[in-house]
Amino acid sequence: DKEVVYIEEKVYLSQMTDVYMNTSDYVGKTVSWEGYMLPDEIDEGVSWAVVRNTPGCCGDDGLTGFYLEWGGTMPAENDWVRVTGVLTVRAKDANMYFLVEADEVEILSERGLEFVSQ
């Protein structure tokens, strides 16, 4: 029985911002969140992210979520999923990115909010 940090829909953006700002409080912990599958190759073997749309520099063009490493069958682009796994940080070309080493990836029939602002 491990403690899981649930990224909740009503405060999704706030919780994600807390993870980004206070990285050391979250790395190595199990996280669970929902979002849609987005192809986005960042590194060899890491080519999917699970994200939601958020405010960005030009209105509603932001994306917030984590990259996904999963040994099972990858869901299709735009599938709505719930992912649970251990949060890690990786480096690529002097940039850092968040990667979840998934223990579970569940395709959900009911979608949550695709655009979140809090």
N, C-alpha and C. Protein backbone atom coordinates (compact mmCIF):
# COMPACT_ATOMS: atom_id res chain seq x y z
N ASP A 1 0.84 -1.19 0.00
CA ASP A 1 0.00 0.00 0.00
C ASP A 1 0.88 1.25 0.00
N LYS A 2 1.03 1.85 -1.16
CA LYS A 2 1.84 3.05 -1.25
C LYS A 2 0.94 4.28 -1.35
N GLU A 3 1.46 5.38 -0.84
CA GLU A 3 0.72 6.64 -0.92
C GLU A 3 0.74 7.14 -2.36
N VAL A 4 -0.42 7.57 -2.83
CA VAL A 4 -0.55 8.06 -4.19
C VAL A 4 -0.96 9.53 -4.15
N VAL A 5 -0.27 10.35 -4.93
CA VAL A 5 -0.63 11.75 -5.09
C VAL A 5 -1.59 11.83 -6.27
N TYR A 6 -2.86 12.15 -5.99
CA TYR A 6 -3.87 12.25 -7.05
C TYR A 6 -3.93 13.69 -7.55
N ILE A 7 -3.75 13.87 -8.85
CA ILE A 7 -3.88 15.18 -9.47
C ILE A 7 -5.37 15.31 -9.82
N GLU A 8 -6.10 16.09 -9.05
CA GLU A 8 -7.55 16.18 -9.17
C GLU A 8 -7.97 17.16 -10.26
N GLU A 9 -9.10 16.87 -10.90
CA GLU A 9 -9.57 17.69 -12.01
C GLU A 9 -9.86 19.14 -11.60
N LYS A 10 -10.49 19.34 -10.45
CA LYS A 10 -10.89 20.70 -10.06
C LYS A 10 -9.71 21.62 -9.78
N VAL A 11 -8.57 21.04 -9.44
CA VAL A 11 -7.37 21.85 -9.16
C VAL A 11 -6.16 21.33 -9.95
N TYR A 12 -6.43 20.78 -11.12
CA TYR A 12 -5.40 20.15 -11.95
C TYR A 12 -4.21 21.08 -12.21
N LEU A 13 -4.49 22.25 -12.71
CA LEU A 13 -3.42 23.17 -13.06
C LEU A 13 -2.63 23.62 -11.84
N SER A 14 -3.32 23.87 -10.74
CA SER A 14 -2.64 24.26 -9.50
C SER A 14 -1.74 23.14 -8.99
N GLN A 15 -2.24 21.91 -9.01
CA GLN A 15 -1.42 20.79 -8.54
C GLN A 15 -0.23 20.55 -9.46
N MET A 16 -0.44 20.63 -10.77
CA MET A 16 0.68 20.46 -11.70
C MET A 16 1.73 21.54 -11.49
N THR A 17 1.29 22.77 -11.30
CA THR A 17 2.23 23.86 -11.05
C THR A 17 3.03 23.60 -9.78
N ASP A 18 2.38 23.07 -8.76
CA ASP A 18 3.09 22.74 -7.52
C ASP A 18 4.15 21.66 -7.77
N VAL A 19 3.82 20.67 -8.58
CA VAL A 19 4.81 19.63 -8.92
C VAL A 19 6.00 20.27 -9.65
N TYR A 20 5.73 21.14 -10.62
CA TYR A 20 6.81 21.77 -11.38
C TYR A 20 7.68 22.68 -10.51
N MET A 21 7.05 23.38 -9.56
CA MET A 21 7.77 24.33 -8.72
C MET A 21 8.48 23.67 -7.54
N ASN A 22 7.94 22.58 -7.05
CA ASN A 22 8.48 21.90 -5.86
C ASN A 22 8.84 20.46 -6.21
N THR A 23 9.63 20.32 -7.24
CA THR A 23 9.97 19.02 -7.82
C THR A 23 10.44 18.02 -6.79
N SER A 24 11.31 18.42 -5.89
CA SER A 24 11.89 17.47 -4.93
C SER A 24 10.84 16.88 -3.99
N ASP A 25 9.69 17.54 -3.83
CA ASP A 25 8.62 17.01 -2.99
C ASP A 25 7.86 15.88 -3.68
N TYR A 26 8.02 15.72 -4.98
CA TYR A 26 7.21 14.76 -5.75
C TYR A 26 7.99 13.66 -6.45
N VAL A 27 9.23 13.93 -6.85
CA VAL A 27 10.01 12.93 -7.58
C VAL A 27 10.18 11.68 -6.71
N GLY A 28 9.91 10.54 -7.31
CA GLY A 28 10.00 9.27 -6.60
C GLY A 28 8.68 8.82 -5.99
N LYS A 29 7.69 9.71 -6.00
CA LYS A 29 6.38 9.36 -5.47
C LYS A 29 5.48 8.85 -6.58
N THR A 30 4.46 8.12 -6.17
CA THR A 30 3.48 7.62 -7.13
C THR A 30 2.43 8.70 -7.35
N VAL A 31 2.16 9.00 -8.62
CA VAL A 31 1.16 10.00 -8.98
C VAL A 31 0.09 9.33 -9.84
N SER A 32 -1.09 9.92 -9.83
CA SER A 32 -2.18 9.45 -10.68
C SER A 32 -2.90 10.66 -11.24
N TRP A 33 -3.12 10.66 -12.56
CA TRP A 33 -3.81 11.79 -13.19
C TRP A 33 -4.49 11.29 -14.46
N GLU A 34 -5.39 12.12 -14.96
CA GLU A 34 -6.10 11.81 -16.20
C GLU A 34 -5.79 12.87 -17.25
N GLY A 35 -5.91 12.46 -18.48
CA GLY A 35 -5.73 13.37 -19.60
C GLY A 35 -5.84 12.60 -20.89
N TYR A 36 -5.54 13.28 -22.00
CA TYR A 36 -5.61 12.60 -23.29
C TYR A 36 -4.21 12.30 -23.80
N MET A 37 -4.13 11.24 -24.59
CA MET A 37 -2.85 10.80 -25.15
C MET A 37 -2.43 11.74 -26.27
N LEU A 38 -1.21 12.22 -26.17
CA LEU A 38 -0.67 13.14 -27.16
C LEU A 38 0.69 12.63 -27.63
N PRO A 39 0.84 12.36 -28.93
CA PRO A 39 2.16 11.96 -29.42
C PRO A 39 3.11 13.16 -29.37
N ASP A 40 4.27 12.97 -28.78
CA ASP A 40 5.24 14.06 -28.63
C ASP A 40 6.59 13.44 -28.32
N GLU A 41 7.32 13.07 -29.34
CA GLU A 41 8.59 12.38 -29.13
C GLU A 41 9.63 13.34 -28.57
N ILE A 42 10.09 13.03 -27.38
CA ILE A 42 11.10 13.87 -26.74
C ILE A 42 12.44 13.16 -26.69
N ASP A 43 12.42 11.85 -26.67
CA ASP A 43 13.65 11.09 -26.51
C ASP A 43 13.40 9.68 -27.04
N GLU A 44 14.44 8.96 -27.30
CA GLU A 44 14.28 7.59 -27.76
C GLU A 44 13.47 6.78 -26.75
N GLY A 45 12.40 6.20 -27.19
CA GLY A 45 11.57 5.39 -26.30
C GLY A 45 10.52 6.18 -25.53
N VAL A 46 10.59 7.50 -25.58
CA VAL A 46 9.61 8.34 -24.89
C VAL A 46 8.91 9.18 -25.95
N SER A 47 7.71 8.75 -26.32
CA SER A 47 7.06 9.43 -27.43
C SER A 47 5.60 9.77 -27.16
N TRP A 48 5.17 9.67 -25.93
CA TRP A 48 3.77 9.99 -25.59
C TRP A 48 3.72 10.82 -24.32
N ALA A 49 2.76 11.71 -24.28
CA ALA A 49 2.47 12.47 -23.06
C ALA A 49 0.98 12.32 -22.78
N VAL A 50 0.61 12.48 -21.53
CA VAL A 50 -0.79 12.50 -21.12
C VAL A 50 -1.04 13.89 -20.56
N VAL A 51 -1.87 14.66 -21.25
CA VAL A 51 -1.98 16.10 -20.98
C VAL A 51 -3.42 16.56 -20.95
N ARG A 52 -3.58 17.81 -20.53
CA ARG A 52 -4.82 18.57 -20.68
C ARG A 52 -4.45 19.94 -21.24
N ASN A 53 -5.39 20.57 -21.90
CA ASN A 53 -5.19 21.92 -22.42
C ASN A 53 -5.35 22.92 -21.29
N THR A 54 -4.52 23.95 -21.31
CA THR A 54 -4.50 24.98 -20.27
C THR A 54 -4.27 26.35 -20.89
N PRO A 55 -4.45 27.40 -20.10
CA PRO A 55 -4.07 28.72 -20.62
C PRO A 55 -2.59 28.72 -21.00
N GLY A 56 -2.26 29.47 -22.03
CA GLY A 56 -0.87 29.56 -22.48
C GLY A 56 -0.53 30.99 -22.83
N CYS A 57 0.48 31.16 -23.64
CA CYS A 57 0.93 32.51 -23.99
C CYS A 57 -0.05 33.24 -24.90
N CYS A 58 -0.85 32.47 -25.64
CA CYS A 58 -1.74 33.09 -26.63
C CYS A 58 -3.20 32.69 -26.40
N GLY A 59 -3.60 32.61 -25.16
CA GLY A 59 -4.98 32.24 -24.86
C GLY A 59 -5.06 30.84 -24.28
N ASP A 60 -5.61 29.91 -25.06
CA ASP A 60 -5.82 28.56 -24.56
C ASP A 60 -4.91 27.54 -25.24
N ASP A 61 -3.67 27.92 -25.54
CA ASP A 61 -2.77 27.06 -26.29
C ASP A 61 -1.74 26.34 -25.42
N GLY A 62 -1.94 26.28 -24.11
CA GLY A 62 -1.02 25.58 -23.22
C GLY A 62 -1.35 24.11 -23.11
N LEU A 63 -0.37 23.33 -22.71
CA LEU A 63 -0.53 21.91 -22.41
C LEU A 63 0.16 21.63 -21.09
N THR A 64 -0.48 20.86 -20.25
CA THR A 64 0.14 20.50 -18.97
C THR A 64 -0.11 19.02 -18.71
N GLY A 65 0.95 18.32 -18.36
CA GLY A 65 0.86 16.90 -18.05
C GLY A 65 2.26 16.33 -17.90
N PHE A 66 2.37 15.03 -18.05
CA PHE A 66 3.65 14.34 -17.92
C PHE A 66 3.86 13.41 -19.11
N TYR A 67 5.13 13.16 -19.42
CA TYR A 67 5.46 12.13 -20.40
C TYR A 67 5.23 10.77 -19.78
N LEU A 68 5.08 9.78 -20.62
CA LEU A 68 4.67 8.46 -20.19
C LEU A 68 5.65 7.40 -20.68
N GLU A 69 6.07 6.55 -19.75
CA GLU A 69 6.85 5.36 -20.10
C GLU A 69 6.02 4.17 -19.65
N TRP A 70 5.70 3.29 -20.59
CA TRP A 70 4.76 2.21 -20.31
C TRP A 70 5.16 0.98 -21.11
N GLY A 71 5.28 -0.14 -20.44
CA GLY A 71 5.68 -1.37 -21.10
C GLY A 71 4.55 -2.12 -21.78
N GLY A 72 3.33 -1.69 -21.55
CA GLY A 72 2.17 -2.36 -22.15
C GLY A 72 1.80 -1.76 -23.48
N THR A 73 0.64 -2.17 -23.98
CA THR A 73 0.13 -1.63 -25.24
C THR A 73 -0.28 -0.18 -25.03
N MET A 74 0.28 0.69 -25.86
CA MET A 74 0.01 2.11 -25.73
C MET A 74 -1.38 2.44 -26.26
N PRO A 75 -2.17 3.22 -25.51
CA PRO A 75 -3.47 3.66 -26.03
C PRO A 75 -3.27 4.52 -27.28
N ALA A 76 -4.35 4.75 -27.99
CA ALA A 76 -4.31 5.52 -29.24
C ALA A 76 -4.27 7.02 -28.95
N GLU A 77 -3.83 7.78 -29.93
CA GLU A 77 -3.84 9.23 -29.83
C GLU A 77 -5.24 9.71 -29.47
N ASN A 78 -5.31 10.64 -28.53
CA ASN A 78 -6.53 11.29 -28.06
C ASN A 78 -7.39 10.41 -27.14
N ASP A 79 -7.01 9.15 -26.89
CA ASP A 79 -7.72 8.35 -25.88
C ASP A 79 -7.62 9.06 -24.54
N TRP A 80 -8.70 9.01 -23.77
CA TRP A 80 -8.70 9.58 -22.41
C TRP A 80 -8.27 8.48 -21.47
N VAL A 81 -7.22 8.75 -20.69
CA VAL A 81 -6.65 7.71 -19.84
C VAL A 81 -6.43 8.20 -18.41
N ARG A 82 -6.34 7.25 -17.51
CA ARG A 82 -5.86 7.50 -16.15
C ARG A 82 -4.55 6.73 -16.01
N VAL A 83 -3.52 7.44 -15.61
CA VAL A 83 -2.19 6.84 -15.45
C VAL A 83 -1.80 6.90 -13.98
N THR A 84 -1.21 5.81 -13.50
CA THR A 84 -0.66 5.77 -12.15
C THR A 84 0.74 5.21 -12.26
N GLY A 85 1.71 5.90 -11.66
CA GLY A 85 3.08 5.43 -11.71
C GLY A 85 4.01 6.37 -10.97
N VAL A 86 5.29 6.07 -11.02
CA VAL A 86 6.31 6.81 -10.27
C VAL A 86 6.83 7.98 -11.11
N LEU A 87 6.81 9.16 -10.52
CA LEU A 87 7.27 10.37 -11.18
C LEU A 87 8.80 10.46 -11.12
N THR A 88 9.40 10.67 -12.29
CA THR A 88 10.85 10.86 -12.38
C THR A 88 11.12 12.13 -13.18
N VAL A 89 12.36 12.56 -13.15
CA VAL A 89 12.80 13.70 -13.97
C VAL A 89 13.95 13.22 -14.83
N ARG A 90 13.90 13.55 -16.11
CA ARG A 90 14.95 13.18 -17.05
C ARG A 90 15.49 14.45 -17.70
N ALA A 91 16.68 14.33 -18.25
CA ALA A 91 17.30 15.46 -18.94
C ALA A 91 17.47 15.11 -20.42
N LYS A 92 17.29 16.11 -21.27
CA LYS A 92 17.51 15.97 -22.71
C LYS A 92 17.99 17.31 -23.24
N ASP A 93 19.21 17.35 -23.75
CA ASP A 93 19.77 18.58 -24.31
C ASP A 93 19.66 19.76 -23.35
N ALA A 94 20.07 19.57 -22.14
CA ALA A 94 20.08 20.60 -21.09
C ALA A 94 18.68 21.02 -20.63
N ASN A 95 17.66 20.30 -21.09
CA ASN A 95 16.30 20.57 -20.63
C ASN A 95 15.83 19.40 -19.76
N MET A 96 15.02 19.72 -18.79
CA MET A 96 14.46 18.70 -17.90
C MET A 96 13.02 18.44 -18.31
N TYR A 97 12.58 17.20 -18.17
CA TYR A 97 11.18 16.88 -18.40
C TYR A 97 10.73 15.83 -17.38
N PHE A 98 9.44 15.86 -17.09
CA PHE A 98 8.84 14.93 -16.14
C PHE A 98 8.35 13.69 -16.89
N LEU A 99 8.69 12.54 -16.37
CA LEU A 99 8.31 11.27 -16.95
C LEU A 99 7.72 10.40 -15.86
N VAL A 100 6.59 9.79 -16.14
CA VAL A 100 6.00 8.84 -15.20
C VAL A 100 6.24 7.44 -15.73
N GLU A 101 6.90 6.64 -14.90
CA GLU A 101 7.10 5.22 -15.20
C GLU A 101 5.83 4.52 -14.73
N ALA A 102 4.94 4.26 -15.67
CA ALA A 102 3.58 3.83 -15.34
C ALA A 102 3.52 2.39 -14.84
N ASP A 103 2.73 2.21 -13.78
CA ASP A 103 2.36 0.88 -13.29
C ASP A 103 1.02 0.48 -13.89
N GLU A 104 0.20 1.49 -14.21
CA GLU A 104 -1.14 1.24 -14.73
C GLU A 104 -1.54 2.35 -15.69
N VAL A 105 -2.07 1.97 -16.84
CA VAL A 105 -2.65 2.90 -17.80
C VAL A 105 -4.03 2.36 -18.14
N GLU A 106 -5.05 3.11 -17.79
CA GLU A 106 -6.43 2.67 -17.99
C GLU A 106 -7.13 3.60 -18.97
N ILE A 107 -7.68 3.05 -20.04
CA ILE A 107 -8.47 3.83 -21.00
C ILE A 107 -9.87 4.00 -20.40
N LEU A 108 -10.31 5.25 -20.30
CA LEU A 108 -11.61 5.55 -19.69
C LEU A 108 -12.64 5.87 -20.77
N SER A 109 -13.87 5.45 -20.54
CA SER A 109 -14.93 5.73 -21.52
C SER A 109 -15.49 7.13 -21.34
N GLU A 110 -15.41 7.68 -20.13
CA GLU A 110 -15.90 9.03 -19.88
C GLU A 110 -14.72 9.99 -19.78
N ARG A 111 -14.75 11.04 -20.60
CA ARG A 111 -13.68 12.03 -20.61
C ARG A 111 -13.90 13.07 -19.52
N GLY A 112 -12.82 13.54 -18.97
CA GLY A 112 -12.88 14.66 -18.04
C GLY A 112 -12.79 15.96 -18.82
N LEU A 113 -12.50 17.05 -18.11
CA LEU A 113 -12.36 18.36 -18.76
C LEU A 113 -11.06 18.38 -19.57
N GLU A 114 -11.18 18.67 -20.85
CA GLU A 114 -9.96 18.76 -21.66
C GLU A 114 -9.24 20.08 -21.44
N PHE A 115 -9.98 21.14 -21.17
CA PHE A 115 -9.39 22.44 -20.87
C PHE A 115 -9.60 22.74 -19.40
N VAL A 116 -8.50 22.98 -18.69
CA VAL A 116 -8.57 23.33 -17.27
C VAL A 116 -7.87 24.67 -17.05
N SER A 117 -8.41 25.44 -16.11
CA SER A 117 -7.80 26.75 -15.86
C SER A 117 -7.47 26.97 -14.39
N GLN A 118 -7.71 25.98 -13.57
CA GLN A 118 -7.33 26.11 -12.16
C GLN A 118 -6.79 24.83 -11.59
